[in-house]
Amino acid sequence: MRPRMGHLGLLVAGAMALSACGNGTATDAPATDGSASEAPASAPASAGDEQLRVALILPGETTDRGFNATGEMAADLIEEEYGADVTFTESVNPANQADVYRQYANQGYDLIIGWGGQFTDGAVEVAEEFADTNFLVVSSGASNGSNLASYDTAIEDWQFLAGYLMARLSETGVVGQVSGQCFPSTAANQNGTRDGALYANPDIEWLATYTGDFEDPTAAQQAAQAMIDEDADVLHTNLNQGVFGVVQAAQDADGVLVVTEWLDNSDTAPDVIVSTLNKSYARFVLNKVEELVNGEWEGVNERFPLPDDWGPGVFDTDLLPDDIYEEILEVQEQVASGEIEVERDETCPGQ
C-alpha cells in the first residue's frame, strides 16, 4: 500500500515509503517544525538513474470519491508508469502549506505536487528556497520559469456540459451550484457551468454560492437547502467532502437531483445523483512528470482544453434519461471541436 501521511494539521510523526519493487520500507515523516537541515534533491529518474520521488499534497481525504480521490489516482499512475516512489498527504490545511512543501523538499523529493489552486502561495514561496526541487500546482497559474510549474484545464469546457445537463433536467427552471472557495480556476468552473445552463435554456434561473470551505458538509448542506428553498431542483457542486452535504439536502427534499464531479460516485446516492462530470486531472499530471523524467521540464503554466478523445464527459446512470445523455455527448463534441466556444470567466463574486 502506498504511504500516505494523515491529517497534516496533526502532522503525523511516521510514514512508510515504497521501494522500487513495491514493498514498504520505513522512512522519516516530514519534520513538524520545518527545522530539518536542507538536503539536496535526488536527480529525476531516467534510464539508469535513481528512482524518482514524488509527493502530493491533498486538501482533503481520498474517501471523498472526488477531487482528492483523483489525486490518489494520479499517484497510482505516476507509480505505475515511471516506477516512482510516490507518497501523498491528505487533509493539508492551506495555512500550513509552506511548511509541508518545505518538509518534503528537505527530504529530497524530486517533485512536490500541490493538488489544488489553494496550494499556490506555498509553492511560490518554497520554490525560491529549493532550486533543485521541482514544484507543480494543479488548477493554478503560477510559474517561475525554472522549478515551479502549474497547469489548469480549460475547466469551463467541462463545466459547460454540467450546466447544460442541469438546465435540461430542471422542471422548475431554477438550478444552482454550491462551491468551496473562489480563485481563478474555481470562478471559471462556476461561470462555465452557468453559461452551459443558459445555453440550454436562456430563461433558466441560476443560483450560485461559495461556502468558503471545500470540506465542510454542514455548510454545503445549508447552502444547498437555501437554493432548494428558492425552488432549485437540480444542484451541482465544486466541493470535496462537502459534496455529501449537498447530497443530503437533496435526499431530504422531494424531486431534487444532484450532478457531482470528478469520478462516478452515483452509487453512494443513486436516488439523487443523476450524473457525474468526468474530469480527472490525472492524465495531465502525467504530461508534466514525463517532462521531468525526460529532462524537458519547464517552469511554465499550461492550460489543457477538453480533448476530443476524452470519452464521455458525463457518466450515465439509471436516473439520466437516454435522450438527454446522447444530447450531452453531442454538445461535448461541439465544445471539443470548437463549434461551441466557451468563454473563460475568472470573475469571483464582488469583483
Protein backbone atom coordinates (compact mmCIF):
# COMPACT_ATOMS: atom_id res chain seq x y z
CA MET A 1 0.00 0.00 0.00
CA ARG A 2 1.28 3.45 -0.90
CA PRO A 3 2.35 5.53 2.07
CA ARG A 4 0.19 8.45 2.95
CA MET A 5 0.54 10.98 5.68
CA GLY A 6 -2.62 11.57 7.68
CA HIS A 7 -4.13 14.90 8.54
CA LEU A 8 -1.19 17.31 8.30
CA GLY A 9 -2.99 19.60 10.68
CA LEU A 10 -1.84 16.96 13.18
CA LEU A 11 1.46 16.33 11.36
CA VAL A 12 1.60 12.59 11.90
CA ALA A 13 5.03 11.52 13.01
CA GLY A 14 5.62 8.46 10.82
CA ALA A 15 5.07 7.15 7.29
CA MET A 16 6.04 4.24 5.05
CA ALA A 17 7.75 4.63 1.68
CA LEU A 18 7.54 2.26 -1.27
CA SER A 19 10.65 0.68 -2.71
CA ALA A 20 11.02 0.22 -6.46
CA CYS A 21 9.50 -3.24 -6.27
CA GLY A 22 6.54 -2.00 -4.27
CA ASN A 23 7.44 -3.41 -0.87
CA GLY A 24 7.04 -0.95 2.01
CA THR A 25 10.15 0.32 3.75
CA ALA A 26 10.24 2.73 6.64
CA THR A 27 11.04 6.40 6.06
CA ASP A 28 11.04 9.51 8.19
CA ALA A 29 7.97 11.73 8.21
CA PRO A 30 8.22 15.42 7.39
CA ALA A 31 9.54 17.36 10.38
CA THR A 32 6.80 19.13 12.27
CA ASP A 33 8.72 22.36 12.80
CA GLY A 34 10.47 22.77 9.45
CA SER A 35 13.82 22.67 11.24
CA ALA A 36 15.37 19.74 9.39
CA SER A 37 18.57 20.60 7.55
CA GLU A 38 18.15 21.07 3.82
CA ALA A 39 19.08 18.00 1.80
CA PRO A 40 19.82 18.18 -1.92
CA ALA A 41 17.09 16.69 -4.08
CA SER A 42 17.96 13.49 -5.86
CA ALA A 43 18.17 13.59 -9.64
CA PRO A 44 14.94 12.87 -11.54
CA ALA A 45 14.66 9.28 -12.63
CA SER A 46 15.58 8.32 -16.18
CA ALA A 47 17.32 5.33 -17.67
CA GLY A 48 19.93 4.21 -15.18
CA ASP A 49 19.23 7.00 -12.70
CA GLU A 50 17.88 6.95 -9.17
CA GLN A 51 14.22 6.27 -8.55
CA LEU A 52 12.01 9.31 -8.99
CA ARG A 53 10.47 10.50 -5.71
CA VAL A 54 7.15 12.32 -5.84
CA ALA A 55 4.94 13.73 -3.08
CA LEU A 56 1.40 15.05 -3.42
CA ILE A 57 -0.29 17.45 -1.01
CA LEU A 58 -4.06 16.97 -0.90
CA PRO A 59 -6.61 19.32 0.68
CA GLY A 60 -8.92 16.57 1.89
CA GLU A 61 -9.37 12.82 2.16
CA THR A 62 -9.34 10.44 -0.78
CA THR A 63 -12.57 8.95 0.54
CA ASP A 64 -14.39 11.95 -0.98
CA ARG A 65 -14.87 9.95 -4.20
CA GLY A 66 -13.99 13.17 -5.98
CA PHE A 67 -11.13 15.67 -6.28
CA ASN A 68 -8.89 14.12 -3.62
CA ALA A 69 -9.59 10.65 -4.96
CA THR A 70 -8.28 11.82 -8.34
CA GLY A 71 -5.09 12.86 -6.54
CA GLU A 72 -4.66 9.28 -5.40
CA MET A 73 -5.40 8.17 -8.96
CA ALA A 74 -2.61 10.42 -10.21
CA ALA A 75 -0.26 8.95 -7.60
CA ASP A 76 -1.11 5.44 -8.79
CA LEU A 77 -0.45 6.35 -12.41
CA ILE A 78 2.89 8.00 -11.64
CA GLU A 79 3.96 4.91 -9.74
CA GLU A 80 2.78 2.53 -12.47
CA GLU A 81 4.14 4.48 -15.44
CA TYR A 82 7.51 5.53 -14.05
CA GLY A 83 8.28 3.13 -11.19
CA ALA A 84 8.39 6.15 -8.92
CA ASP A 85 8.39 6.26 -5.14
CA VAL A 86 5.15 8.17 -4.54
CA THR A 87 3.53 9.36 -1.34
CA PHE A 88 0.74 11.76 -0.56
CA THR A 89 -0.56 13.67 2.42
CA GLU A 90 -4.27 14.09 2.99
CA SER A 91 -6.15 16.97 4.65
CA VAL A 92 -3.42 19.58 4.47
CA ASN A 93 -4.60 22.90 5.85
CA PRO A 94 -3.70 25.56 3.24
CA ALA A 95 -2.48 27.75 6.11
CA ASN A 96 0.29 25.16 6.70
CA GLN A 97 1.16 24.59 3.06
CA ALA A 98 4.60 26.27 3.02
CA ASP A 99 5.75 24.14 5.96
CA VAL A 100 4.55 20.94 4.28
CA TYR A 101 6.21 21.79 0.96
CA ARG A 102 9.40 22.63 2.84
CA GLN A 103 9.35 19.40 4.82
CA TYR A 104 9.07 17.26 1.69
CA ALA A 105 11.79 19.31 -0.02
CA ASN A 106 14.06 18.75 2.99
CA GLN A 107 13.59 15.02 2.49
CA GLY A 108 14.87 15.23 -1.07
CA TYR A 109 11.71 14.64 -3.08
CA ASP A 110 12.23 15.40 -6.78
CA LEU A 111 8.70 16.65 -7.43
CA ILE A 112 6.12 18.01 -4.99
CA ILE A 113 2.59 18.48 -6.30
CA GLY A 114 0.06 20.80 -4.71
CA TRP A 115 -3.34 19.32 -5.51
CA GLY A 116 -5.40 22.47 -5.93
CA GLY A 117 -5.05 26.19 -6.55
CA GLN A 118 -5.28 26.83 -2.81
CA PHE A 119 -1.71 25.46 -2.60
CA THR A 120 -0.22 28.09 -4.91
CA ASP A 121 1.23 30.55 -2.40
CA GLY A 122 3.29 27.95 -0.54
CA ALA A 123 4.73 26.57 -3.76
CA VAL A 124 5.77 30.04 -4.91
CA GLU A 125 7.48 30.68 -1.57
CA VAL A 126 9.27 27.37 -1.12
CA ALA A 127 10.33 27.01 -4.78
CA GLU A 128 12.61 30.00 -4.20
CA GLU A 129 14.29 28.20 -1.29
CA PHE A 130 14.83 24.81 -3.00
CA ALA A 131 16.14 25.43 -6.50
CA ASP A 132 16.88 21.71 -7.04
CA THR A 133 13.34 20.58 -6.21
CA ASN A 134 10.53 20.81 -8.73
CA PHE A 135 7.08 22.03 -7.75
CA LEU A 136 3.80 21.60 -9.63
CA VAL A 137 0.43 23.08 -8.69
CA VAL A 138 -2.77 21.95 -10.38
CA SER A 139 -5.65 24.37 -11.00
CA SER A 140 -3.20 27.24 -10.77
CA GLY A 141 -1.46 29.79 -12.96
CA ALA A 142 1.81 30.04 -11.03
CA SER A 143 5.23 29.57 -12.62
CA ASN A 144 8.76 30.95 -12.24
CA GLY A 145 10.46 29.82 -15.44
CA SER A 146 12.56 27.21 -13.65
CA ASN A 147 11.48 24.82 -10.89
CA LEU A 148 7.84 25.94 -10.41
CA ALA A 149 5.21 24.94 -12.93
CA SER A 150 1.45 24.69 -12.92
CA TYR A 151 -1.34 23.63 -15.14
CA ASP A 152 -5.01 24.16 -15.40
CA THR A 153 -7.61 22.78 -17.72
CA ALA A 154 -10.00 24.88 -19.73
CA ILE A 155 -12.34 23.85 -16.93
CA GLU A 156 -15.12 25.92 -18.42
CA ASP A 157 -15.33 23.41 -21.30
CA TRP A 158 -16.15 20.55 -18.95
CA GLN A 159 -18.41 22.67 -16.76
CA PHE A 160 -20.43 23.82 -19.75
CA LEU A 161 -21.62 20.22 -20.06
CA ALA A 162 -22.70 20.13 -16.41
CA GLY A 163 -24.66 23.35 -16.73
CA TYR A 164 -26.30 22.22 -19.93
CA LEU A 165 -27.31 18.97 -18.28
CA MET A 166 -28.76 20.77 -15.26
CA ALA A 167 -30.93 23.05 -17.35
CA ARG A 168 -32.22 20.17 -19.46
CA LEU A 169 -33.16 18.21 -16.36
CA SER A 170 -34.79 21.04 -14.42
CA GLU A 171 -38.57 21.14 -14.19
CA THR A 172 -38.77 24.28 -12.05
CA GLY A 173 -36.45 26.37 -14.22
CA VAL A 174 -34.16 27.01 -11.25
CA VAL A 175 -30.73 25.39 -10.81
CA GLY A 176 -27.78 26.09 -8.51
CA GLN A 177 -24.14 25.36 -7.79
CA VAL A 178 -22.53 25.11 -4.36
CA SER A 179 -18.77 25.72 -4.43
CA GLY A 180 -15.98 25.94 -1.85
CA GLN A 181 -13.51 28.79 -2.28
CA CYS A 182 -13.23 31.26 -5.14
CA PHE A 183 -9.96 31.71 -7.02
CA PRO A 184 -9.45 31.97 -10.79
CA SER A 185 -9.95 28.31 -11.71
CA THR A 186 -12.96 27.80 -9.43
CA ALA A 187 -14.51 31.01 -10.72
CA ALA A 188 -14.06 29.67 -14.26
CA ASN A 189 -15.64 26.44 -13.03
CA GLN A 190 -18.78 28.09 -11.71
CA ASN A 191 -19.14 30.58 -14.55
CA GLY A 192 -18.70 27.84 -17.14
CA THR A 193 -21.50 25.88 -15.50
CA ARG A 194 -23.71 28.96 -15.58
CA ASP A 195 -23.02 29.52 -19.26
CA GLY A 196 -23.89 25.92 -20.12
CA ALA A 197 -27.18 26.21 -18.28
CA LEU A 198 -28.05 29.44 -20.08
CA TYR A 199 -27.10 27.92 -23.43
CA ALA A 200 -29.57 25.09 -22.85
CA ASN A 201 -32.28 27.41 -21.52
CA PRO A 202 -31.82 31.20 -21.77
CA ASP A 203 -34.64 31.62 -19.24
CA ILE A 204 -33.07 29.41 -16.57
CA GLU A 205 -32.67 30.98 -13.13
CA TRP A 206 -29.10 30.46 -11.95
CA LEU A 207 -28.14 30.37 -8.27
CA ALA A 208 -24.57 30.14 -7.02
CA THR A 209 -22.67 30.42 -3.77
CA TYR A 210 -19.27 29.75 -2.18
CA THR A 211 -19.27 28.27 1.33
CA GLY A 212 -15.61 29.13 1.98
CA ASP A 213 -14.67 25.50 2.64
CA PHE A 214 -14.41 22.58 0.20
CA GLU A 215 -14.52 20.05 3.04
CA ASP A 216 -17.43 21.19 5.27
CA PRO A 217 -20.59 19.16 4.55
CA THR A 218 -22.67 21.11 7.08
CA ALA A 219 -22.04 24.45 5.39
CA ALA A 220 -22.67 22.83 2.00
CA GLN A 221 -25.94 21.30 3.17
CA GLN A 222 -27.13 24.67 4.46
CA ALA A 223 -26.21 26.37 1.18
CA ALA A 224 -27.97 23.67 -0.82
CA GLN A 225 -31.08 23.91 1.34
CA ALA A 226 -31.22 27.66 0.74
CA MET A 227 -31.25 27.00 -3.00
CA ILE A 228 -33.90 24.31 -2.66
CA ASP A 229 -35.99 26.83 -0.73
CA GLU A 230 -35.76 29.03 -3.84
CA ASP A 231 -37.18 26.18 -5.97
CA ALA A 232 -33.88 24.83 -7.33
CA ASP A 233 -34.45 21.22 -8.37
CA VAL A 234 -31.02 20.41 -9.85
CA LEU A 235 -27.80 21.18 -7.96
CA HIS A 236 -24.13 20.92 -8.89
CA THR A 237 -21.07 21.03 -6.66
CA ASN A 238 -17.45 22.14 -6.72
CA LEU A 239 -16.60 20.59 -3.35
CA ASN A 240 -14.62 17.75 -1.82
CA GLN A 241 -16.09 16.19 1.34
CA GLY A 242 -18.66 18.98 1.25
CA VAL A 243 -20.45 17.24 -1.60
CA PHE A 244 -22.08 14.88 0.88
CA GLY A 245 -23.89 17.81 2.48
CA VAL A 246 -25.43 18.78 -0.85
CA VAL A 247 -26.46 15.18 -1.46
CA GLN A 248 -28.07 15.03 1.99
CA ALA A 249 -30.06 18.19 1.32
CA ALA A 250 -31.31 16.70 -1.94
CA GLN A 251 -32.28 13.45 -0.24
CA ASP A 252 -34.21 15.37 2.41
CA ALA A 253 -36.14 17.25 -0.28
CA ASP A 254 -38.57 15.97 -2.89
CA GLY A 255 -37.58 15.74 -6.53
CA VAL A 256 -34.13 17.34 -6.28
CA LEU A 257 -31.26 15.93 -8.34
CA VAL A 258 -27.51 16.41 -7.95
CA VAL A 259 -24.78 16.47 -10.61
CA THR A 260 -21.44 15.72 -8.93
CA GLU A 261 -17.93 15.95 -10.40
CA TRP A 262 -14.61 14.17 -10.96
CA LEU A 263 -15.41 10.46 -10.54
CA ASP A 264 -18.63 8.48 -10.81
CA ASN A 265 -20.00 8.34 -7.26
CA SER A 266 -23.64 7.79 -8.13
CA ASP A 267 -23.70 4.52 -6.21
CA THR A 268 -23.38 6.49 -2.95
CA ALA A 269 -26.79 8.09 -3.52
CA PRO A 270 -28.44 6.54 -6.60
CA ASP A 271 -31.75 8.17 -5.68
CA VAL A 272 -30.47 11.72 -6.24
CA ILE A 273 -27.08 11.69 -8.06
CA VAL A 274 -28.23 11.83 -11.67
CA SER A 275 -24.75 12.05 -13.18
CA THR A 276 -21.14 13.00 -12.53
CA LEU A 277 -18.93 15.24 -14.63
CA ASN A 278 -15.92 13.21 -15.75
CA LYS A 279 -12.86 15.47 -15.48
CA SER A 280 -9.96 13.74 -13.69
CA TYR A 281 -6.66 15.66 -13.75
CA ALA A 282 -4.51 12.53 -13.60
CA ARG A 283 -3.89 12.42 -17.35
CA PHE A 284 -2.45 15.93 -17.37
CA VAL A 285 -0.19 15.33 -14.38
CA LEU A 286 1.48 12.52 -16.31
CA ASN A 287 2.37 15.01 -19.04
CA LYS A 288 4.38 17.06 -16.54
CA VAL A 289 6.04 14.02 -14.94
CA GLU A 290 7.09 12.81 -18.39
CA GLU A 291 8.76 16.19 -18.99
CA LEU A 292 10.68 15.81 -15.75
CA VAL A 293 11.75 12.25 -16.48
CA ASN A 294 12.89 13.18 -19.99
CA GLY A 295 14.83 16.23 -18.83
CA GLU A 296 12.37 18.55 -20.58
CA TRP A 297 10.84 20.18 -17.52
CA GLU A 298 9.80 23.80 -17.98
CA GLY A 299 8.64 26.09 -15.21
CA VAL A 300 5.62 27.31 -17.10
CA ASN A 301 1.87 27.34 -16.82
CA GLU A 302 -0.13 25.25 -19.26
CA ARG A 303 -3.86 25.06 -19.86
CA PHE A 304 -5.35 21.96 -21.44
CA PRO A 305 -8.61 22.13 -23.43
CA LEU A 306 -11.21 19.38 -23.47
CA PRO A 307 -9.64 16.66 -25.67
CA ASP A 308 -11.70 15.22 -28.49
CA ASP A 309 -10.69 11.72 -27.34
CA TRP A 310 -11.70 12.29 -23.71
CA GLY A 311 -14.53 9.78 -23.69
CA PRO A 312 -17.99 10.58 -22.28
CA GLY A 313 -17.86 13.87 -20.37
CA VAL A 314 -20.64 12.77 -18.06
CA PHE A 315 -21.32 9.37 -16.55
CA ASP A 316 -24.54 7.59 -17.47
CA THR A 317 -26.88 6.44 -14.69
CA ASP A 318 -30.32 4.91 -14.36
CA LEU A 319 -31.68 8.35 -13.40
CA LEU A 320 -30.35 10.07 -16.53
CA PRO A 321 -32.76 9.90 -19.49
CA ASP A 322 -31.14 8.31 -22.54
CA ASP A 323 -32.08 11.14 -24.89
CA ILE A 324 -30.51 13.78 -22.65
CA TYR A 325 -27.36 11.69 -22.23
CA GLU A 326 -26.98 11.43 -26.01
CA GLU A 327 -27.66 15.14 -26.33
CA ILE A 328 -24.89 15.93 -23.85
CA LEU A 329 -22.44 13.82 -25.87
CA GLU A 330 -23.30 15.85 -28.96
CA VAL A 331 -22.73 19.09 -27.08
CA GLN A 332 -19.41 17.73 -25.80
CA GLU A 333 -18.31 17.01 -29.37
CA GLN A 334 -19.21 20.56 -30.38
CA VAL A 335 -17.25 22.03 -27.46
CA ALA A 336 -14.18 19.87 -28.11
CA SER A 337 -14.19 20.77 -31.81
CA GLY A 338 -14.61 24.48 -31.13
CA GLU A 339 -18.01 24.66 -32.77
CA ILE A 340 -19.26 25.86 -29.40
CA GLU A 341 -16.79 28.35 -27.94
CA VAL A 342 -16.96 28.58 -24.16
CA GLU A 343 -15.70 31.83 -22.67
CA ARG A 344 -13.38 31.65 -19.67
CA ASP A 345 -14.63 33.97 -16.96
CA GLU A 346 -12.42 34.09 -13.85
CA THR A 347 -14.52 36.70 -12.10
CA CYS A 348 -15.35 35.92 -8.48
CA PRO A 349 -18.48 37.41 -6.90
CA GLY A 350 -17.96 41.02 -5.95
CA GLN A 351 -15.07 41.60 -8.34
